[in-house]
PDB file of all heavy atoms in Angstrom:
ATOM      1  N   SER A   1     176.939   5.936  28.504  1.00  0.00           N
ATOM      2  CA  SER A   1     177.555   5.512  29.798  1.00  0.00           C
ATOM      3  C   SER A   1     178.036   4.003  29.641  1.00  0.00           C
ATOM      4  O   SER A   1     177.482   3.229  28.939  1.00  0.00           O
ATOM      5  CB  SER A   1     176.556   5.579  30.938  1.00  0.00           C
ATOM      6  OG  SER A   1     177.038   4.890  32.080  1.00  0.00           O
ATOM      7  N   ASN A   2     179.185   3.743  30.295  1.00  0.00           N
ATOM      8  CA  ASN A   2     179.586   2.321  30.352  1.00  0.00           C
ATOM      9  C   ASN A   2     178.777   1.500  31.303  1.00  0.00           C
ATOM     10  O   ASN A   2     178.752   0.269  31.208  1.00  0.00           O
ATOM     11  CB  ASN A   2     181.106   2.294  30.845  1.00  0.00           C
ATOM     12  CG  ASN A   2     182.019   2.963  29.832  1.00  0.00           C
ATOM     13  OD1 ASN A   2     181.842   2.815  28.679  1.00  0.00           O
ATOM     14  ND2 ASN A   2     183.060   3.588  30.326  1.00  0.00           N
ATOM     15  N   GLU A   3     177.994   2.157  32.131  1.00  0.00           N
ATOM     16  CA  GLU A   3     177.165   1.426  33.147  1.00  0.00           C
ATOM     17  C   GLU A   3     175.953   0.877  32.527  1.00  0.00           C
ATOM     18  O   GLU A   3     175.520  -0.238  32.936  1.00  0.00           O
ATOM     19  CB  GLU A   3     176.781   2.404  34.273  1.00  0.00           C
ATOM     20  CG  GLU A   3     176.030   1.737  35.412  1.00  0.00           C
ATOM     21  CD  GLU A   3     175.685   2.755  36.490  1.00  0.00           C
ATOM     22  OE1 GLU A   3     176.231   3.850  36.525  1.00  0.00           O
ATOM     23  OE2 GLU A   3     174.797   2.421  37.306  1.00  0.00           O
ATOM     24  N   ARG A   4     175.357   1.519  31.540  1.00  0.00           N
ATOM     25  CA  ARG A   4     174.164   0.984  30.925  1.00  0.00           C
ATOM     26  C   ARG A   4     174.148   1.302  29.457  1.00  0.00           C
ATOM     27  O   ARG A   4     174.605   2.376  28.981  1.00  0.00           O
ATOM     28  CB  ARG A   4     172.885   1.520  31.563  1.00  0.00           C
ATOM     29  CG  ARG A   4     172.786   3.017  31.706  1.00  0.00           C
ATOM     30  CD  ARG A   4     171.528   3.455  32.485  1.00  0.00           C
ATOM     31  NE  ARG A   4     171.370   2.854  33.754  1.00  0.00           N
ATOM     32  CZ  ARG A   4     171.909   3.379  34.843  1.00  0.00           C
ATOM     33  NH1 ARG A   4     172.605   4.501  34.826  1.00  0.00           N
ATOM     34  NH2 ARG A   4     171.643   2.779  36.025  1.00  0.00           N
ATOM     35  N   ALA A   5     173.596   0.422  28.628  1.00  0.00           N
ATOM     36  CA  ALA A   5     173.651   0.540  27.141  1.00  0.00           C
ATOM     37  C   ALA A   5     172.537   1.482  26.645  1.00  0.00           C
ATOM     38  O   ALA A   5     172.666   2.184  25.669  1.00  0.00           O
ATOM     39  CB  ALA A   5     173.534  -0.789  26.493  1.00  0.00           C
ATOM     40  N   VAL A   6     171.368   1.397  27.303  1.00  0.00           N
ATOM     41  CA  VAL A   6     170.200   2.137  26.925  1.00  0.00           C
ATOM     42  C   VAL A   6     169.452   2.672  28.109  1.00  0.00           C
ATOM     43  O   VAL A   6     169.650   2.257  29.228  1.00  0.00           O
ATOM     44  CB  VAL A   6     169.206   1.250  26.075  1.00  0.00           C
ATOM     45  CG1 VAL A   6     169.858   0.750  24.777  1.00  0.00           C
ATOM     46  CG2 VAL A   6     168.696   0.097  26.917  1.00  0.00           C
ATOM     47  N   PHE A   7     168.548   3.582  27.837  1.00  0.00           N
ATOM     48  CA  PHE A   7     167.551   4.028  28.816  1.00  0.00           C
ATOM     49  C   PHE A   7     166.212   4.177  28.153  1.00  0.00           C
ATOM     50  O   PHE A   7     166.136   4.380  26.948  1.00  0.00           O
ATOM     51  CB  PHE A   7     167.976   5.280  29.552  1.00  0.00           C
ATOM     52  CG  PHE A   7     167.922   6.583  28.671  1.00  0.00           C
ATOM     53  CD1 PHE A   7     166.776   7.334  28.714  1.00  0.00           C
ATOM     54  CD2 PHE A   7     169.018   6.911  27.970  1.00  0.00           C
ATOM     55  CE1 PHE A   7     166.727   8.528  27.949  1.00  0.00           C
ATOM     56  CE2 PHE A   7     169.004   8.055  27.179  1.00  0.00           C
ATOM     57  CZ  PHE A   7     167.823   8.876  27.182  1.00  0.00           C
ATOM     58  N   ASN A   8     165.126   4.135  28.955  1.00  0.00           N
ATOM     59  CA  ASN A   8     163.799   4.227  28.418  1.00  0.00           C
ATOM     60  C   ASN A   8     163.134   5.481  28.991  1.00  0.00           C
ATOM     61  O   ASN A   8     163.369   5.851  30.130  1.00  0.00           O
ATOM     62  CB  ASN A   8     162.953   3.030  28.848  1.00  0.00           C
ATOM     63  CG  ASN A   8     163.507   1.746  28.371  1.00  0.00           C
ATOM     64  OD1 ASN A   8     163.559   1.463  27.183  1.00  0.00           O
ATOM     65  ND2 ASN A   8     163.930   0.831  29.271  1.00  0.00           N
ATOM     66  N   MET A   9     162.375   6.200  28.121  1.00  0.00           N
ATOM     67  CA  MET A   9     161.684   7.381  28.606  1.00  0.00           C
ATOM     68  C   MET A   9     160.243   7.265  28.319  1.00  0.00           C
ATOM     69  O   MET A   9     159.810   6.863  27.233  1.00  0.00           O
ATOM     70  CB  MET A   9     162.239   8.652  27.980  1.00  0.00           C
ATOM     71  CG  MET A   9     161.651   9.939  28.467  1.00  0.00           C
ATOM     72  SD  MET A   9     162.633  11.354  28.212  1.00  0.00           S
ATOM     73  CE  MET A   9     162.706  11.398  26.390  1.00  0.00           C
ATOM     74  N   ILE A  10     159.374   7.635  29.254  1.00  0.00           N
ATOM     75  CA  ILE A  10     157.905   7.567  29.112  1.00  0.00           C
ATOM     76  C   ILE A  10     157.348   8.693  29.980  1.00  0.00           C
ATOM     77  O   ILE A  10     157.706   8.932  31.075  1.00  0.00           O
ATOM     78  CB  ILE A  10     157.363   6.195  29.592  1.00  0.00           C
ATOM     79  CG1 ILE A  10     155.890   6.111  29.480  1.00  0.00           C
ATOM     80  CG2 ILE A  10     157.819   5.804  31.033  1.00  0.00           C
ATOM     81  CD1 ILE A  10     155.295   4.702  29.731  1.00  0.00           C
ATOM     82  N   ASP A  11     156.495   9.504  29.459  1.00  0.00           N
ATOM     83  CA  ASP A  11     155.775   9.520  28.207  1.00  0.00           C
ATOM     84  C   ASP A  11     156.485  10.438  27.222  1.00  0.00           C
ATOM     85  O   ASP A  11     156.916  11.522  27.611  1.00  0.00           O
ATOM     86  CB  ASP A  11     154.364  10.050  28.490  1.00  0.00           C
ATOM     87  CG  ASP A  11     153.426  10.125  27.286  1.00  0.00           C
ATOM     88  OD1 ASP A  11     153.697   9.476  26.289  1.00  0.00           O
ATOM     89  OD2 ASP A  11     152.452  10.809  27.452  1.00  0.00           O
ATOM     90  N   VAL A  12     156.542  10.058  25.931  1.00  0.00           N
ATOM     91  CA  VAL A  12     157.171  10.890  24.907  1.00  0.00           C
ATOM     92  C   VAL A  12     156.217  11.433  23.880  1.00  0.00           C
ATOM     93  O   VAL A  12     156.510  11.723  22.769  1.00  0.00           O
ATOM     94  CB  VAL A  12     158.323  10.111  24.203  1.00  0.00           C
ATOM     95  CG1 VAL A  12     159.434   9.793  25.180  1.00  0.00           C
ATOM     96  CG2 VAL A  12     157.807   8.882  23.475  1.00  0.00           C
ATOM     97  N   GLY A  13     154.913  11.537  24.348  1.00  0.00           N
ATOM     98  CA  GLY A  13     153.978  12.213  23.462  1.00  0.00           C
ATOM     99  C   GLY A  13     152.548  11.691  23.370  1.00  0.00           C
ATOM    100  O   GLY A  13     151.762  12.185  22.591  1.00  0.00           O
ATOM    101  N   ALA A  14     152.233  10.747  24.194  1.00  0.00           N
ATOM    102  CA  ALA A  14     150.826  10.255  24.142  1.00  0.00           C
ATOM    103  C   ALA A  14     149.824  11.243  24.759  1.00  0.00           C
ATOM    104  O   ALA A  14     148.680  11.352  24.330  1.00  0.00           O
ATOM    105  CB  ALA A  14     150.715   8.880  24.864  1.00  0.00           C
ATOM    106  N   ASN A  15     150.240  11.934  25.788  1.00  0.00           N
ATOM    107  CA  ASN A  15     149.378  12.813  26.551  1.00  0.00           C
ATOM    108  C   ASN A  15     150.065  14.190  26.791  1.00  0.00           C
ATOM    109  O   ASN A  15     151.117  14.230  27.507  1.00  0.00           O
ATOM    110  CB  ASN A  15     149.006  12.225  27.882  1.00  0.00           C
ATOM    111  CG  ASN A  15     148.416  10.886  27.833  1.00  0.00           C
ATOM    112  OD1 ASN A  15     147.257  10.691  27.438  1.00  0.00           O
ATOM    113  ND2 ASN A  15     149.275   9.847  28.109  1.00  0.00           N
ATOM    114  N   SER A  16     149.582  15.256  26.212  1.00  0.00           N
ATOM    115  CA  SER A  16     150.210  16.554  26.439  1.00  0.00           C
ATOM    116  C   SER A  16     150.042  17.005  27.854  1.00  0.00           C
ATOM    117  O   SER A  16     150.885  17.662  28.428  1.00  0.00           O
ATOM    118  CB  SER A  16     149.574  17.560  25.480  1.00  0.00           C
ATOM    119  OG  SER A  16     149.848  17.256  24.139  1.00  0.00           O
ATOM    120  N   ASP A  17     148.869  16.743  28.457  1.00  0.00           N
ATOM    121  CA  ASP A  17     148.591  17.102  29.826  1.00  0.00           C
ATOM    122  C   ASP A  17     148.541  15.789  30.642  1.00  0.00           C
ATOM    123  O   ASP A  17     147.726  14.923  30.431  1.00  0.00           O
ATOM    124  CB  ASP A  17     147.297  17.841  29.902  1.00  0.00           C
ATOM    125  CG  ASP A  17     147.300  19.126  29.125  1.00  0.00           C
ATOM    126  OD1 ASP A  17     148.211  19.939  29.376  1.00  0.00           O
ATOM    127  OD2 ASP A  17     146.363  19.366  28.307  1.00  0.00           O
ATOM    128  N   SER A  18     149.465  15.715  31.650  1.00  0.00           N
ATOM    129  CA  SER A  18     149.450  14.509  32.502  1.00  0.00           C
ATOM    130  C   SER A  18     149.191  14.920  33.933  1.00  0.00           C
ATOM    131  O   SER A  18     149.361  16.060  34.349  1.00  0.00           O
ATOM    132  CB  SER A  18     150.838  13.878  32.405  1.00  0.00           C
ATOM    133  OG  SER A  18     151.178  13.497  31.089  1.00  0.00           O
ATOM    134  N   LYS A  19     148.739  13.908  34.727  1.00  0.00           N
ATOM    135  CA  LYS A  19     148.513  14.046  36.135  1.00  0.00           C
ATOM    136  C   LYS A  19     149.629  13.323  36.914  1.00  0.00           C
ATOM    137  O   LYS A  19     150.253  12.482  36.359  1.00  0.00           O
ATOM    138  CB  LYS A  19     147.160  13.460  36.482  1.00  0.00           C
ATOM    139  CG  LYS A  19     145.942  14.194  35.809  1.00  0.00           C
ATOM    140  CD  LYS A  19     144.621  13.532  36.227  1.00  0.00           C
ATOM    141  CE  LYS A  19     144.471  12.163  35.623  1.00  0.00           C
ATOM    142  NZ  LYS A  19     143.152  11.570  35.906  1.00  0.00           N
ATOM    143  N   PRO A  20     149.797  13.650  38.146  1.00  0.00           N
ATOM    144  CA  PRO A  20     150.778  12.953  38.945  1.00  0.00           C
ATOM    145  C   PRO A  20     150.576  11.452  38.963  1.00  0.00           C
ATOM    146  O   PRO A  20     151.577  10.675  38.835  1.00  0.00           O
ATOM    147  CB  PRO A  20     150.582  13.529  40.352  1.00  0.00           C
ATOM    148  CG  PRO A  20     150.098  14.945  40.125  1.00  0.00           C
ATOM    149  CD  PRO A  20     149.225  14.793  38.936  1.00  0.00           C
ATOM    150  N   LEU A  21     149.349  11.017  38.954  1.00  0.00           N
ATOM    151  CA  LEU A  21     149.052   9.593  38.927  1.00  0.00           C
ATOM    152  C   LEU A  21     149.557   8.960  37.667  1.00  0.00           C
ATOM    153  O   LEU A  21     150.110   7.831  37.683  1.00  0.00           O
ATOM    154  CB  LEU A  21     147.520   9.385  39.025  1.00  0.00           C
ATOM    155  CG  LEU A  21     147.011   7.977  38.763  1.00  0.00           C
ATOM    156  CD1 LEU A  21     147.532   7.046  39.890  1.00  0.00           C
ATOM    157  CD2 LEU A  21     145.494   7.903  38.690  1.00  0.00           C
ATOM    158  N   ASN A  22     149.465   9.653  36.577  1.00  0.00           N
ATOM    159  CA  ASN A  22     149.898   9.073  35.281  1.00  0.00           C
ATOM    160  C   ASN A  22     151.457   8.863  35.357  1.00  0.00           C
ATOM    161  O   ASN A  22     151.933   7.782  34.935  1.00  0.00           O
ATOM    162  CB  ASN A  22     149.590  10.003  34.083  1.00  0.00           C
ATOM    163  CG  ASN A  22     148.154  10.364  33.954  1.00  0.00           C
ATOM    164  OD1 ASN A  22     147.745  11.472  33.721  1.00  0.00           O
ATOM    165  ND2 ASN A  22     147.257   9.381  34.161  1.00  0.00           N
ATOM    166  N   ILE A  23     152.165   9.817  35.809  1.00  0.00           N
ATOM    167  CA  ILE A  23     153.600   9.721  35.854  1.00  0.00           C
ATOM    168  C   ILE A  23     154.022   8.594  36.768  1.00  0.00           C
ATOM    169  O   ILE A  23     155.012   7.897  36.535  1.00  0.00           O
ATOM    170  CB  ILE A  23     154.236  11.115  36.301  1.00  0.00           C
ATOM    171  CG1 ILE A  23     153.932  12.124  35.165  1.00  0.00           C
ATOM    172  CG2 ILE A  23     155.774  10.995  36.550  1.00  0.00           C
ATOM    173  CD1 ILE A  23     154.413  13.541  35.523  1.00  0.00           C
ATOM    174  N   ASP A  24     153.357   8.471  37.875  1.00  0.00           N
ATOM    175  CA  ASP A  24     153.621   7.378  38.845  1.00  0.00           C
ATOM    176  C   ASP A  24     153.450   6.009  38.190  1.00  0.00           C
ATOM    177  O   ASP A  24     154.216   5.080  38.323  1.00  0.00           O
ATOM    178  CB  ASP A  24     152.730   7.540  40.067  1.00  0.00           C
ATOM    179  CG  ASP A  24     152.991   6.457  41.147  1.00  0.00           C
ATOM    180  OD1 ASP A  24     154.212   6.230  41.434  1.00  0.00           O
ATOM    181  OD2 ASP A  24     152.057   5.886  41.693  1.00  0.00           O
ATOM    182  N   GLN A  25     152.334   5.911  37.439  1.00  0.00           N
ATOM    183  CA  GLN A  25     152.054   4.631  36.667  1.00  0.00           C
ATOM    184  C   GLN A  25     153.062   4.426  35.617  1.00  0.00           C
ATOM    185  O   GLN A  25     153.534   3.290  35.339  1.00  0.00           O
ATOM    186  CB  GLN A  25     150.657   4.641  36.133  1.00  0.00           C
ATOM    187  CG  GLN A  25     149.560   4.575  37.157  1.00  0.00           C
ATOM    188  CD  GLN A  25     148.150   4.709  36.593  1.00  0.00           C
ATOM    189  OE1 GLN A  25     147.978   4.997  35.380  1.00  0.00           O
ATOM    190  NE2 GLN A  25     147.193   4.457  37.380  1.00  0.00           N
ATOM    191  N   TYR A  26     153.499   5.463  34.891  1.00  0.00           N
ATOM    192  CA  TYR A  26     154.559   5.349  33.899  1.00  0.00           C
ATOM    193  C   TYR A  26     155.892   4.754  34.479  1.00  0.00           C
ATOM    194  O   TYR A  26     156.575   3.965  33.859  1.00  0.00           O
ATOM    195  CB  TYR A  26     154.915   6.683  33.271  1.00  0.00           C
ATOM    196  CG  TYR A  26     153.750   7.336  32.518  1.00  0.00           C
ATOM    197  CD1 TYR A  26     153.778   8.735  32.331  1.00  0.00           C
ATOM    198  CD2 TYR A  26     152.729   6.585  32.007  1.00  0.00           C
ATOM    199  CE1 TYR A  26     152.686   9.305  31.608  1.00  0.00           C
ATOM    200  CE2 TYR A  26     151.654   7.202  31.309  1.00  0.00           C
ATOM    201  CZ  TYR A  26     151.729   8.546  31.124  1.00  0.00           C
ATOM    202  OH  TYR A  26     150.673   9.177  30.480  1.00  0.00           O
ATOM    203  N   ALA A  27     156.165   5.098  35.737  1.00  0.00           N
ATOM    204  CA  ALA A  27     157.392   4.646  36.401  1.00  0.00           C
ATOM    205  C   ALA A  27     157.309   3.088  36.551  1.00  0.00           C
ATOM    206  O   ALA A  27     158.294   2.413  36.313  1.00  0.00           O
ATOM    207  CB  ALA A  27     157.597   5.308  37.744  1.00  0.00           C
ATOM    208  N   THR A  28     156.179   2.600  36.944  1.00  0.00           N
ATOM    209  CA  THR A  28     155.978   1.164  37.118  1.00  0.00           C
ATOM    210  C   THR A  28     156.067   0.453  35.760  1.00  0.00           C
ATOM    211  O   THR A  28     156.701  -0.588  35.587  1.00  0.00           O
ATOM    212  CB  THR A  28     154.606   0.850  37.802  1.00  0.00           C
ATOM    213  OG1 THR A  28     154.614   1.505  39.060  1.00  0.00           O
ATOM    214  CG2 THR A  28     154.445  -0.647  38.000  1.00  0.00           C
ATOM    215  N   LEU A  29     155.359   1.032  34.771  1.00  0.00           N
ATOM    216  CA  LEU A  29     155.368   0.424  33.413  1.00  0.00           C
ATOM    217  C   LEU A  29     156.812   0.449  32.868  1.00  0.00           C
ATOM    218  O   LEU A  29     157.267  -0.594  32.349  1.00  0.00           O
ATOM    219  CB  LEU A  29     154.479   1.263  32.463  1.00  0.00           C
ATOM    220  CG  LEU A  29     152.989   1.248  32.759  1.00  0.00           C
ATOM    221  CD1 LEU A  29     152.234   2.256  31.907  1.00  0.00           C
ATOM    222  CD2 LEU A  29     152.355  -0.159  32.508  1.00  0.00           C
ATOM    223  N   GLY A  30     157.497   1.515  33.019  1.00  0.00           N
ATOM    224  CA  GLY A  30     158.883   1.640  32.470  1.00  0.00           C
ATOM    225  C   GLY A  30     159.818   0.679  33.154  1.00  0.00           C
ATOM    226  O   GLY A  30     160.720   0.133  32.570  1.00  0.00           O
ATOM    227  N   SER A  31     159.616   0.443  34.480  1.00  0.00           N
ATOM    228  CA  SER A  31     160.498  -0.439  35.264  1.00  0.00           C
ATOM    229  C   SER A  31     160.263  -1.855  34.788  1.00  0.00           C
ATOM    230  O   SER A  31     161.273  -2.603  34.600  1.00  0.00           O
ATOM    231  CB  SER A  31     160.178  -0.323  36.738  1.00  0.00           C
ATOM    232  OG  SER A  31     160.552   1.009  37.229  1.00  0.00           O
ATOM    233  N   TYR A  32     159.061  -2.250  34.629  1.00  0.00           N
ATOM    234  CA  TYR A  32     158.775  -3.592  34.097  1.00  0.00           C
ATOM    235  C   TYR A  32     159.338  -3.824  32.692  1.00  0.00           C
ATOM    236  O   TYR A  32     159.893  -4.912  32.450  1.00  0.00           O
ATOM    237  CB  TYR A  32     157.248  -3.868  34.111  1.00  0.00           C
ATOM    238  CG  TYR A  32     156.711  -4.506  35.379  1.00  0.00           C
ATOM    239  CD1 TYR A  32     156.597  -3.658  36.514  1.00  0.00           C
ATOM    240  CD2 TYR A  32     156.397  -5.838  35.441  1.00  0.00           C
ATOM    241  CE1 TYR A  32     156.113  -4.239  37.712  1.00  0.00           C
ATOM    242  CE2 TYR A  32     155.843  -6.360  36.623  1.00  0.00           C
ATOM    243  CZ  TYR A  32     155.775  -5.608  37.755  1.00  0.00           C
ATOM    244  OH  TYR A  32     155.267  -6.165  38.918  1.00  0.00           O
ATOM    245  N   TYR A  33     159.252  -2.797  31.874  1.00  0.00           N
ATOM    246  CA  TYR A  33     159.785  -2.874  30.497  1.00  0.00           C
ATOM    247  C   TYR A  33     161.298  -3.087  30.487  1.00  0.00           C
ATOM    248  O   TYR A  33     161.914  -3.905  29.872  1.00  0.00           O
ATOM    249  CB  TYR A  33     159.438  -1.671  29.677  1.00  0.00           C
ATOM    250  CG  TYR A  33     159.775  -1.777  28.182  1.00  0.00           C
ATOM    251  CD1 TYR A  33     158.927  -2.311  27.269  1.00  0.00           C
ATOM    252  CD2 TYR A  33     161.024  -1.349  27.732  1.00  0.00           C
ATOM    253  CE1 TYR A  33     159.172  -2.458  25.946  1.00  0.00           C
ATOM    254  CE2 TYR A  33     161.388  -1.506  26.453  1.00  0.00           C
ATOM    255  CZ  TYR A  33     160.487  -2.031  25.535  1.00  0.00           C
ATOM    256  OH  TYR A  33     160.786  -2.149  24.150  1.00  0.00           O
TER     257      TYR A  33
END
């Protein structure tokens, strides 16, 4: 996209089974990154 050069994705393999809480925390971590 011309709007952004990159994007970040989390989680890409640390935990095969995740909980909603984990995904919510990933959003905060990814936003700060």
